[in-house]
Amino acid sequence: RASLTAFFNGVGLPVAPDPQGNYIMVDTAPLGINAASFSEKIFEAGHVLIRGDFSPRHVRVSIGTADENARVMDAVRRVVRRKG
């Protein structure tokens, strides 16, 4: 959880403070896209599924294994590089 939180905060996508569950909530608004669009772009970039149907601007990213988390981070890097 800590490494994903640090990663998302580091690429400019704030994480809701003090996550306690097996997931984090990430704010997609800084990219200028809504949560559903972000989820679609992540799937296109890395065939990774994340939940984008909780709110208009927050996605739910489940904590996985080190390899799964690395796939998420790689897909997010690609999307962030394209600025959404």
C-alpha atoms as a PDB file:
ATOM      1  CA  ARG A   1       0.000   0.000   0.000  1.00  0.00           C
ATOM      2  CA  ALA A   2       2.758   2.429   0.933  1.00  0.00           C
ATOM      3  CA  SER A   3       4.663   1.971  -2.332  1.00  0.00           C
ATOM      4  CA  LEU A   4       1.558   2.440  -4.487  1.00  0.00           C
ATOM      5  CA  THR A   5       0.546   5.482  -2.454  1.00  0.00           C
ATOM      6  CA  ALA A   6       4.000   7.013  -2.877  1.00  0.00           C
ATOM      7  CA  PHE A   7       3.982   6.212  -6.595  1.00  0.00           C
ATOM      8  CA  PHE A   8       0.600   7.805  -7.311  1.00  0.00           C
ATOM      9  CA  ASN A   9       1.370  10.864  -5.211  1.00  0.00           C
ATOM     10  CA  GLY A  10       4.738  11.121  -6.990  1.00  0.00           C
ATOM     11  CA  VAL A  11       3.185  11.207 -10.463  1.00  0.00           C
ATOM     12  CA  GLY A  12       0.738  13.908  -9.388  1.00  0.00           C
ATOM     13  CA  LEU A  13      -2.318  11.751  -8.717  1.00  0.00           C
ATOM     14  CA  PRO A  14      -3.206  12.271  -5.055  1.00  0.00           C
ATOM     15  CA  VAL A  15      -4.248   9.329  -2.911  1.00  0.00           C
ATOM     16  CA  ALA A  16      -6.920   9.730  -0.249  1.00  0.00           C
ATOM     17  CA  PRO A  17      -5.065  10.067   3.072  1.00  0.00           C
ATOM     18  CA  ASP A  18      -4.486   7.192   5.491  1.00  0.00           C
ATOM     19  CA  PRO A  19      -5.734   4.221   3.461  1.00  0.00           C
ATOM     20  CA  GLN A  20      -6.554   1.278   5.729  1.00  0.00           C
ATOM     21  CA  GLY A  21      -8.057  -1.335   3.408  1.00  0.00           C
ATOM     22  CA  ASN A  22      -6.671  -3.517   0.667  1.00  0.00           C
ATOM     23  CA  TYR A  23      -7.039  -0.670  -1.821  1.00  0.00           C
ATOM     24  CA  ILE A  24      -6.284   3.018  -2.306  1.00  0.00           C
ATOM     25  CA  MET A  25      -8.489   5.755  -3.764  1.00  0.00           C
ATOM     26  CA  VAL A  26      -6.693   7.826  -6.407  1.00  0.00           C
ATOM     27  CA  ASP A  27      -7.829  11.245  -7.646  1.00  0.00           C
ATOM     28  CA  THR A  28      -7.736  11.412 -11.461  1.00  0.00           C
ATOM     29  CA  ALA A  29      -8.769  15.084 -11.741  1.00  0.00           C
ATOM     30  CA  PRO A  30      -5.171  16.381 -12.057  1.00  0.00           C
ATOM     31  CA  LEU A  31      -4.981  14.608 -15.439  1.00  0.00           C
ATOM     32  CA  GLY A  32      -8.124  16.374 -16.584  1.00  0.00           C
ATOM     33  CA  ILE A  33     -10.074  13.151 -17.056  1.00  0.00           C
ATOM     34  CA  ASN A  34     -12.769  11.428 -15.056  1.00  0.00           C
ATOM     35  CA  ALA A  35     -12.376   8.143 -13.226  1.00  0.00           C
ATOM     36  CA  ALA A  36     -14.153   6.044 -15.854  1.00  0.00           C
ATOM     37  CA  SER A  37     -11.923   7.391 -18.644  1.00  0.00           C
ATOM     38  CA  PHE A  38      -8.810   6.855 -16.540  1.00  0.00           C
ATOM     39  CA  SER A  39      -9.821   3.234 -15.916  1.00  0.00           C
ATOM     40  CA  GLU A  40     -10.328   2.678 -19.646  1.00  0.00           C
ATOM     41  CA  LYS A  41      -6.954   4.226 -20.473  1.00  0.00           C
ATOM     42  CA  ILE A  42      -5.200   2.056 -17.874  1.00  0.00           C
ATOM     43  CA  PHE A  43      -6.773  -1.044 -19.392  1.00  0.00           C
ATOM     44  CA  GLU A  44      -5.708   0.025 -22.891  1.00  0.00           C
ATOM     45  CA  ALA A  45      -2.162   0.787 -21.708  1.00  0.00           C
ATOM     46  CA  GLY A  46      -1.515  -2.387 -19.729  1.00  0.00           C
ATOM     47  CA  HIS A  47      -4.552  -4.674 -19.684  1.00  0.00           C
ATOM     48  CA  VAL A  48      -4.987  -3.813 -16.010  1.00  0.00           C
ATOM     49  CA  LEU A  49      -8.463  -3.495 -14.516  1.00  0.00           C
ATOM     50  CA  ILE A  50      -9.108  -0.849 -11.894  1.00  0.00           C
ATOM     51  CA  ARG A  51     -12.459   0.370 -10.586  1.00  0.00           C
ATOM     52  CA  GLY A  52     -13.553   3.730 -11.943  1.00  0.00           C
ATOM     53  CA  ASP A  53     -17.216   3.630 -11.073  1.00  0.00           C
ATOM     54  CA  PHE A  54     -17.177   4.807  -7.444  1.00  0.00           C
ATOM     55  CA  SER A  55     -17.093   8.532  -8.066  1.00  0.00           C
ATOM     56  CA  PRO A  56     -16.528  10.879 -10.993  1.00  0.00           C
ATOM     57  CA  ARG A  57     -12.929  11.615 -10.032  1.00  0.00           C
ATOM     58  CA  HIS A  58     -11.605   8.715  -7.908  1.00  0.00           C
ATOM     59  CA  VAL A  59     -10.530   5.224  -8.927  1.00  0.00           C
ATOM     60  CA  ARG A  60     -10.110   2.304  -6.579  1.00  0.00           C
ATOM     61  CA  VAL A  61      -6.786   0.512  -6.993  1.00  0.00           C
ATOM     62  CA  SER A  62      -6.523  -2.826  -5.195  1.00  0.00           C
ATOM     63  CA  ILE A  63      -3.254  -3.773  -3.553  1.00  0.00           C
ATOM     64  CA  GLY A  64      -1.781  -6.812  -5.262  1.00  0.00           C
ATOM     65  CA  THR A  65       1.447  -8.735  -5.405  1.00  0.00           C
ATOM     66  CA  ALA A  66       4.683  -6.925  -6.209  1.00  0.00           C
ATOM     67  CA  ASP A  67       4.390  -8.007  -9.861  1.00  0.00           C
ATOM     68  CA  GLU A  68       0.748  -6.910 -10.095  1.00  0.00           C
ATOM     69  CA  ASN A  69       1.536  -3.545  -8.521  1.00  0.00           C
ATOM     70  CA  ALA A  70       4.423  -3.098 -10.967  1.00  0.00           C
ATOM     71  CA  ARG A  71       2.017  -3.701 -13.895  1.00  0.00           C
ATOM     72  CA  VAL A  72      -0.332  -1.054 -12.519  1.00  0.00           C
ATOM     73  CA  MET A  73       2.504   1.440 -12.125  1.00  0.00           C
ATOM     74  CA  ASP A  74       3.787   0.751 -15.640  1.00  0.00           C
ATOM     75  CA  ALA A  75       0.328   1.325 -17.155  1.00  0.00           C
ATOM     76  CA  VAL A  76      -0.136   4.513 -15.125  1.00  0.00           C
ATOM     77  CA  ARG A  77       3.252   5.839 -16.267  1.00  0.00           C
ATOM     78  CA  ARG A  78       2.181   5.370 -19.889  1.00  0.00           C
ATOM     79  CA  VAL A  79      -1.110   7.178 -19.325  1.00  0.00           C
ATOM     80  CA  VAL A  80       0.479  10.017 -17.365  1.00  0.00           C
ATOM     81  CA  ARG A  81       3.122  10.501 -20.086  1.00  0.00           C
ATOM     82  CA  ARG A  82       0.296  10.987 -22.567  1.00  0.00           C
ATOM     83  CA  LYS A  83      -1.408  13.369 -20.089  1.00  0.00           C
ATOM     84  CA  GLY A  84      -4.609  11.346 -20.045  1.00  0.00           C
END
